Amino acid sequence: MAREAVEAMFAGSLRMTCDKKNPGGCMVVQAGLSCGEGSEAIRLELTAVREAGVNRIRERFEQAQAAGELPKTVNCGDLARYVGTVIHGLGVQAAGGATRQQLERVVEIAMRAWPA
């Protein structure tokens, strides 16, 4: 089910970004935010990686919609962008020192937005 897949993505993001063995946050997000003028090619590549992830989520939502898991009124592209934004935001917040408990509450709020 699509909802369970999103919950699993959020849980995986929390595991990765809150693991003390990993540098804070998400490399794909953090590196893309810190690229300077000489690193434009890297910034563009990281942007493409993030966009590809959102596209894969959108495709999954389109499958879920066709299977009746999501209402026909849901814009799958918008919902995928929302999920991607939350995932990337978790990485930014983790890098800034947010605790796992704080980020878990963010995920709880994000899931309240799930379409009925």
N, C-alpha and C. Protein backbone atom coordinates (compact mmCIF):
# COMPACT_ATOMS: atom_id res chain seq x y z
N MET A 1 0.83 -1.18 0.00
CA MET A 1 0.00 0.00 0.00
C MET A 1 0.88 1.25 0.00
N ALA A 2 0.39 2.28 -0.65
CA ALA A 2 1.17 3.50 -0.81
C ALA A 2 1.45 4.18 0.53
N ARG A 3 0.45 4.23 1.40
CA ARG A 3 0.66 4.88 2.70
C ARG A 3 1.77 4.18 3.48
N GLU A 4 1.74 2.86 3.51
CA GLU A 4 2.76 2.11 4.22
C GLU A 4 4.13 2.33 3.59
N ALA A 5 4.18 2.47 2.27
CA ALA A 5 5.45 2.74 1.59
C ALA A 5 6.02 4.09 2.03
N VAL A 6 5.16 5.09 2.15
CA VAL A 6 5.62 6.41 2.60
C VAL A 6 6.09 6.34 4.05
N GLU A 7 5.34 5.65 4.89
CA GLU A 7 5.75 5.50 6.28
C GLU A 7 7.12 4.82 6.36
N ALA A 8 7.35 3.82 5.51
CA ALA A 8 8.64 3.13 5.47
C ALA A 8 9.75 4.07 4.99
N MET A 9 9.46 4.92 4.00
CA MET A 9 10.47 5.88 3.53
C MET A 9 10.82 6.86 4.63
N PHE A 10 9.81 7.36 5.35
CA PHE A 10 10.08 8.28 6.46
C PHE A 10 10.91 7.58 7.55
N ALA A 11 10.55 6.34 7.88
CA ALA A 11 11.29 5.60 8.90
C ALA A 11 12.75 5.39 8.46
N GLY A 12 12.95 5.05 7.19
CA GLY A 12 14.30 4.88 6.68
C GLY A 12 15.10 6.16 6.71
N SER A 13 14.43 7.26 6.39
CA SER A 13 15.09 8.56 6.44
C SER A 13 15.52 8.88 7.87
N LEU A 14 14.65 8.61 8.83
CA LEU A 14 14.98 8.86 10.23
C LEU A 14 16.16 7.97 10.67
N ARG A 15 16.14 6.70 10.28
CA ARG A 15 17.25 5.80 10.64
C ARG A 15 18.57 6.33 10.10
N MET A 16 18.55 6.73 8.83
CA MET A 16 19.78 7.18 8.19
C MET A 16 20.26 8.51 8.78
N THR A 17 19.37 9.48 8.88
CA THR A 17 19.80 10.81 9.29
C THR A 17 20.09 10.93 10.78
N CYS A 18 19.53 10.02 11.58
CA CYS A 18 19.74 10.10 13.02
C CYS A 18 20.79 9.11 13.52
N ASP A 19 21.35 8.32 12.64
CA ASP A 19 22.37 7.35 13.01
C ASP A 19 23.67 8.10 13.30
N LYS A 20 24.19 7.93 14.50
CA LYS A 20 25.42 8.63 14.91
C LYS A 20 26.63 8.22 14.07
N LYS A 21 26.54 7.09 13.37
CA LYS A 21 27.64 6.64 12.52
C LYS A 21 27.72 7.45 11.22
N ASN A 22 26.62 8.13 10.88
CA ASN A 22 26.57 8.92 9.64
C ASN A 22 26.75 10.40 9.95
N PRO A 23 27.33 11.13 9.00
CA PRO A 23 27.36 12.58 9.18
C PRO A 23 25.93 13.10 9.24
N GLY A 24 25.71 14.18 9.94
CA GLY A 24 24.37 14.72 10.11
C GLY A 24 23.69 15.04 8.80
N GLY A 25 22.45 14.60 8.68
CA GLY A 25 21.65 14.94 7.51
C GLY A 25 21.86 13.99 6.35
N CYS A 26 21.48 14.47 5.18
CA CYS A 26 21.50 13.67 3.95
C CYS A 26 22.51 14.28 2.99
N MET A 27 23.42 13.48 2.49
CA MET A 27 24.45 13.99 1.59
C MET A 27 23.86 14.63 0.34
N VAL A 28 22.84 14.03 -0.22
CA VAL A 28 22.26 14.54 -1.46
C VAL A 28 21.67 15.94 -1.24
N VAL A 29 21.12 16.17 -0.07
CA VAL A 29 20.57 17.48 0.24
C VAL A 29 21.67 18.44 0.68
N GLN A 30 22.47 18.03 1.66
CA GLN A 30 23.49 18.91 2.22
C GLN A 30 24.52 19.35 1.19
N ALA A 31 25.01 18.41 0.40
CA ALA A 31 26.02 18.75 -0.60
C ALA A 31 25.45 19.69 -1.65
N GLY A 32 24.21 19.48 -2.03
CA GLY A 32 23.57 20.35 -3.01
C GLY A 32 23.37 21.75 -2.51
N LEU A 33 23.16 21.90 -1.21
CA LEU A 33 22.96 23.22 -0.63
C LEU A 33 24.26 23.99 -0.46
N SER A 34 25.36 23.26 -0.35
CA SER A 34 26.63 23.93 -0.05
C SER A 34 27.54 24.09 -1.25
N CYS A 35 27.08 23.74 -2.44
CA CYS A 35 27.90 23.87 -3.64
C CYS A 35 28.14 25.34 -3.98
N GLY A 36 29.36 25.64 -4.32
CA GLY A 36 29.71 26.99 -4.76
C GLY A 36 29.70 27.09 -6.27
N GLU A 37 30.14 28.23 -6.77
CA GLU A 37 30.13 28.49 -8.22
C GLU A 37 30.92 27.45 -9.00
N GLY A 38 32.03 27.00 -8.47
CA GLY A 38 32.87 26.03 -9.17
C GLY A 38 32.31 24.62 -9.17
N SER A 39 31.21 24.43 -8.46
CA SER A 39 30.63 23.09 -8.34
C SER A 39 29.25 22.99 -8.98
N GLU A 40 29.01 23.80 -9.97
CA GLU A 40 27.68 23.83 -10.60
C GLU A 40 27.28 22.47 -11.15
N ALA A 41 28.22 21.74 -11.74
CA ALA A 41 27.90 20.43 -12.30
C ALA A 41 27.46 19.47 -11.19
N ILE A 42 28.09 19.54 -10.04
CA ILE A 42 27.71 18.69 -8.91
C ILE A 42 26.33 19.09 -8.42
N ARG A 43 26.07 20.37 -8.28
CA ARG A 43 24.77 20.85 -7.82
C ARG A 43 23.66 20.36 -8.76
N LEU A 44 23.91 20.46 -10.06
CA LEU A 44 22.91 20.01 -11.03
C LEU A 44 22.69 18.49 -10.95
N GLU A 45 23.75 17.74 -10.75
CA GLU A 45 23.62 16.28 -10.63
C GLU A 45 22.82 15.91 -9.37
N LEU A 46 23.10 16.57 -8.27
CA LEU A 46 22.37 16.28 -7.03
C LEU A 46 20.90 16.70 -7.15
N THR A 47 20.65 17.79 -7.85
CA THR A 47 19.27 18.20 -8.12
C THR A 47 18.56 17.13 -8.93
N ALA A 48 19.25 16.59 -9.93
CA ALA A 48 18.66 15.53 -10.76
C ALA A 48 18.39 14.27 -9.95
N VAL A 49 19.27 13.95 -9.02
CA VAL A 49 19.07 12.77 -8.16
C VAL A 49 17.82 12.97 -7.30
N ARG A 50 17.69 14.15 -6.71
CA ARG A 50 16.51 14.43 -5.88
C ARG A 50 15.24 14.39 -6.73
N GLU A 51 15.29 14.96 -7.91
CA GLU A 51 14.12 14.99 -8.79
C GLU A 51 13.75 13.57 -9.25
N ALA A 52 14.74 12.75 -9.51
CA ALA A 52 14.46 11.35 -9.90
C ALA A 52 13.75 10.62 -8.77
N GLY A 53 14.14 10.90 -7.54
CA GLY A 53 13.47 10.28 -6.40
C GLY A 53 12.02 10.69 -6.31
N VAL A 54 11.75 11.97 -6.50
CA VAL A 54 10.37 12.46 -6.49
C VAL A 54 9.58 11.81 -7.62
N ASN A 55 10.19 11.66 -8.77
CA ASN A 55 9.51 11.03 -9.91
C ASN A 55 9.17 9.57 -9.63
N ARG A 56 10.07 8.85 -8.96
CA ARG A 56 9.78 7.46 -8.60
C ARG A 56 8.62 7.38 -7.62
N ILE A 57 8.57 8.30 -6.68
CA ILE A 57 7.46 8.33 -5.73
C ILE A 57 6.16 8.64 -6.47
N ARG A 58 6.21 9.60 -7.40
CA ARG A 58 5.02 9.95 -8.18
C ARG A 58 4.51 8.74 -8.96
N GLU A 59 5.43 8.01 -9.58
CA GLU A 59 5.04 6.81 -10.34
C GLU A 59 4.37 5.79 -9.43
N ARG A 60 4.90 5.62 -8.23
CA ARG A 60 4.28 4.68 -7.28
C ARG A 60 2.88 5.15 -6.90
N PHE A 61 2.73 6.46 -6.70
CA PHE A 61 1.41 6.99 -6.35
C PHE A 61 0.43 6.82 -7.51
N GLU A 62 0.91 6.97 -8.73
CA GLU A 62 0.04 6.76 -9.89
C GLU A 62 -0.43 5.31 -9.95
N GLN A 63 0.45 4.37 -9.63
CA GLN A 63 0.06 2.96 -9.56
C GLN A 63 -0.97 2.76 -8.46
N ALA A 64 -0.74 3.38 -7.31
CA ALA A 64 -1.67 3.27 -6.19
C ALA A 64 -3.02 3.85 -6.55
N GLN A 65 -3.02 4.95 -7.28
CA GLN A 65 -4.27 5.58 -7.69
C GLN A 65 -5.04 4.66 -8.65
N ALA A 66 -4.33 4.07 -9.58
CA ALA A 66 -4.97 3.15 -10.53
C ALA A 66 -5.55 1.92 -9.81
N ALA A 67 -4.92 1.53 -8.71
CA ALA A 67 -5.38 0.37 -7.94
C ALA A 67 -6.45 0.74 -6.92
N GLY A 68 -6.80 2.02 -6.84
CA GLY A 68 -7.83 2.45 -5.90
C GLY A 68 -7.33 2.74 -4.50
N GLU A 69 -6.00 2.75 -4.30
CA GLU A 69 -5.43 3.06 -2.98
C GLU A 69 -5.46 4.55 -2.67
N LEU A 70 -5.46 5.36 -3.71
CA LEU A 70 -5.51 6.81 -3.56
C LEU A 70 -6.72 7.34 -4.32
N PRO A 71 -7.38 8.35 -3.78
CA PRO A 71 -8.53 8.92 -4.50
C PRO A 71 -8.11 9.49 -5.85
N LYS A 72 -9.02 9.45 -6.80
CA LYS A 72 -8.75 10.00 -8.14
C LYS A 72 -8.49 11.50 -8.09
N THR A 73 -8.94 12.16 -7.04
CA THR A 73 -8.77 13.61 -6.92
C THR A 73 -7.36 14.01 -6.49
N VAL A 74 -6.54 13.05 -6.06
CA VAL A 74 -5.19 13.35 -5.61
C VAL A 74 -4.30 13.65 -6.80
N ASN A 75 -3.55 14.73 -6.71
CA ASN A 75 -2.53 15.04 -7.71
C ASN A 75 -1.27 14.30 -7.28
N CYS A 76 -0.94 13.23 -7.97
CA CYS A 76 0.18 12.37 -7.58
C CYS A 76 1.51 13.11 -7.61
N GLY A 77 1.67 14.02 -8.54
CA GLY A 77 2.90 14.81 -8.60
C GLY A 77 3.06 15.71 -7.39
N ASP A 78 1.97 16.36 -7.00
CA ASP A 78 2.02 17.23 -5.82
C ASP A 78 2.28 16.44 -4.55
N LEU A 79 1.62 15.29 -4.42
CA LEU A 79 1.82 14.47 -3.22
C LEU A 79 3.25 13.94 -3.17
N ALA A 80 3.80 13.55 -4.30
CA ALA A 80 5.18 13.08 -4.35
C ALA A 80 6.14 14.20 -3.98
N ARG A 81 5.90 15.40 -4.46
CA ARG A 81 6.76 16.54 -4.12
C ARG A 81 6.70 16.82 -2.62
N TYR A 82 5.50 16.70 -2.04
CA TYR A 82 5.33 16.91 -0.60
C TYR A 82 6.16 15.87 0.18
N VAL A 83 6.02 14.61 -0.18
CA VAL A 83 6.75 13.55 0.51
C VAL A 83 8.26 13.77 0.37
N GLY A 84 8.70 14.09 -0.84
CA GLY A 84 10.12 14.36 -1.06
C GLY A 84 10.61 15.54 -0.24
N THR A 85 9.80 16.57 -0.14
CA THR A 85 10.17 17.75 0.64
C THR A 85 10.30 17.41 2.12
N VAL A 86 9.38 16.60 2.63
CA VAL A 86 9.47 16.19 4.04
C VAL A 86 10.74 15.37 4.26
N ILE A 87 11.01 14.43 3.37
CA ILE A 87 12.21 13.60 3.51
C ILE A 87 13.47 14.47 3.49
N HIS A 88 13.55 15.38 2.55
CA HIS A 88 14.72 16.25 2.48
C HIS A 88 14.79 17.17 3.69
N GLY A 89 13.65 17.64 4.13
CA GLY A 89 13.61 18.49 5.32
C GLY A 89 14.07 17.77 6.57
N LEU A 90 13.77 16.48 6.66
CA LEU A 90 14.24 15.70 7.81
C LEU A 90 15.77 15.70 7.84
N GLY A 91 16.38 15.57 6.66
CA GLY A 91 17.84 15.60 6.58
C GLY A 91 18.41 16.94 7.00
N VAL A 92 17.79 18.00 6.55
CA VAL A 92 18.26 19.34 6.92
C VAL A 92 18.12 19.56 8.42
N GLN A 93 16.97 19.17 8.96
CA GLN A 93 16.74 19.35 10.39
C GLN A 93 17.71 18.49 11.22
N ALA A 94 17.97 17.26 10.79
CA ALA A 94 18.91 16.40 11.51
C ALA A 94 20.30 17.02 11.52
N ALA A 95 20.71 17.56 10.39
CA ALA A 95 22.02 18.21 10.31
C ALA A 95 22.09 19.42 11.22
N GLY A 96 20.95 20.06 11.44
CA GLY A 96 20.91 21.22 12.31
C GLY A 96 20.78 20.89 13.78
N GLY A 97 20.71 19.60 14.11
CA GLY A 97 20.70 19.20 15.50
C GLY A 97 19.37 18.75 16.06
N ALA A 98 18.33 18.66 15.22
CA ALA A 98 17.04 18.17 15.71
C ALA A 98 17.20 16.74 16.21
N THR A 99 16.49 16.40 17.26
CA THR A 99 16.57 15.05 17.81
C THR A 99 15.67 14.10 17.04
N ARG A 100 15.92 12.83 17.22
CA ARG A 100 15.08 11.83 16.58
C ARG A 100 13.62 11.99 17.02
N GLN A 101 13.41 12.25 18.30
CA GLN A 101 12.05 12.42 18.81
C GLN A 101 11.36 13.61 18.15
N GLN A 102 12.07 14.69 17.96
CA GLN A 102 11.49 15.86 17.28
C GLN A 102 11.13 15.50 15.84
N LEU A 103 12.00 14.79 15.17
CA LEU A 103 11.74 14.43 13.78
C LEU A 103 10.63 13.40 13.66
N GLU A 104 10.52 12.51 14.63
CA GLU A 104 9.40 11.56 14.63
C GLU A 104 8.06 12.31 14.74
N ARG A 105 8.03 13.38 15.51
CA ARG A 105 6.80 14.18 15.61
C ARG A 105 6.51 14.88 14.28
N VAL A 106 7.53 15.30 13.58
CA VAL A 106 7.33 15.89 12.26
C VAL A 106 6.69 14.86 11.33
N VAL A 107 7.20 13.64 11.36
CA VAL A 107 6.65 12.58 10.52
C VAL A 107 5.18 12.32 10.89
N GLU A 108 4.88 12.29 12.16
CA GLU A 108 3.49 12.09 12.59
C GLU A 108 2.57 13.17 12.00
N ILE A 109 3.01 14.41 12.05
CA ILE A 109 2.22 15.51 11.50
C ILE A 109 2.11 15.36 9.98
N ALA A 110 3.21 15.01 9.33
CA ALA A 110 3.19 14.85 7.88
C ALA A 110 2.19 13.78 7.46
N MET A 111 2.12 12.70 8.22
CA MET A 111 1.20 11.61 7.85
C MET A 111 -0.26 12.00 8.06
N ARG A 112 -0.52 12.99 8.88
CA ARG A 112 -1.89 13.46 9.05
C ARG A 112 -2.43 14.11 7.76
N ALA A 113 -1.52 14.51 6.89
CA ALA A 113 -1.90 15.13 5.62
C ALA A 113 -2.23 14.09 4.55
N TRP A 114 -2.11 12.81 4.88
CA TRP A 114 -2.35 11.76 3.89
C TRP A 114 -3.78 11.84 3.41
N PRO A 115 -4.00 11.76 2.09
CA PRO A 115 -5.35 11.86 1.54
C PRO A 115 -6.27 10.74 2.04
N ALA A 116 -7.50 11.11 2.35
CA ALA A 116 -8.48 10.12 2.85
C ALA A 116 -9.01 9.29 1.68
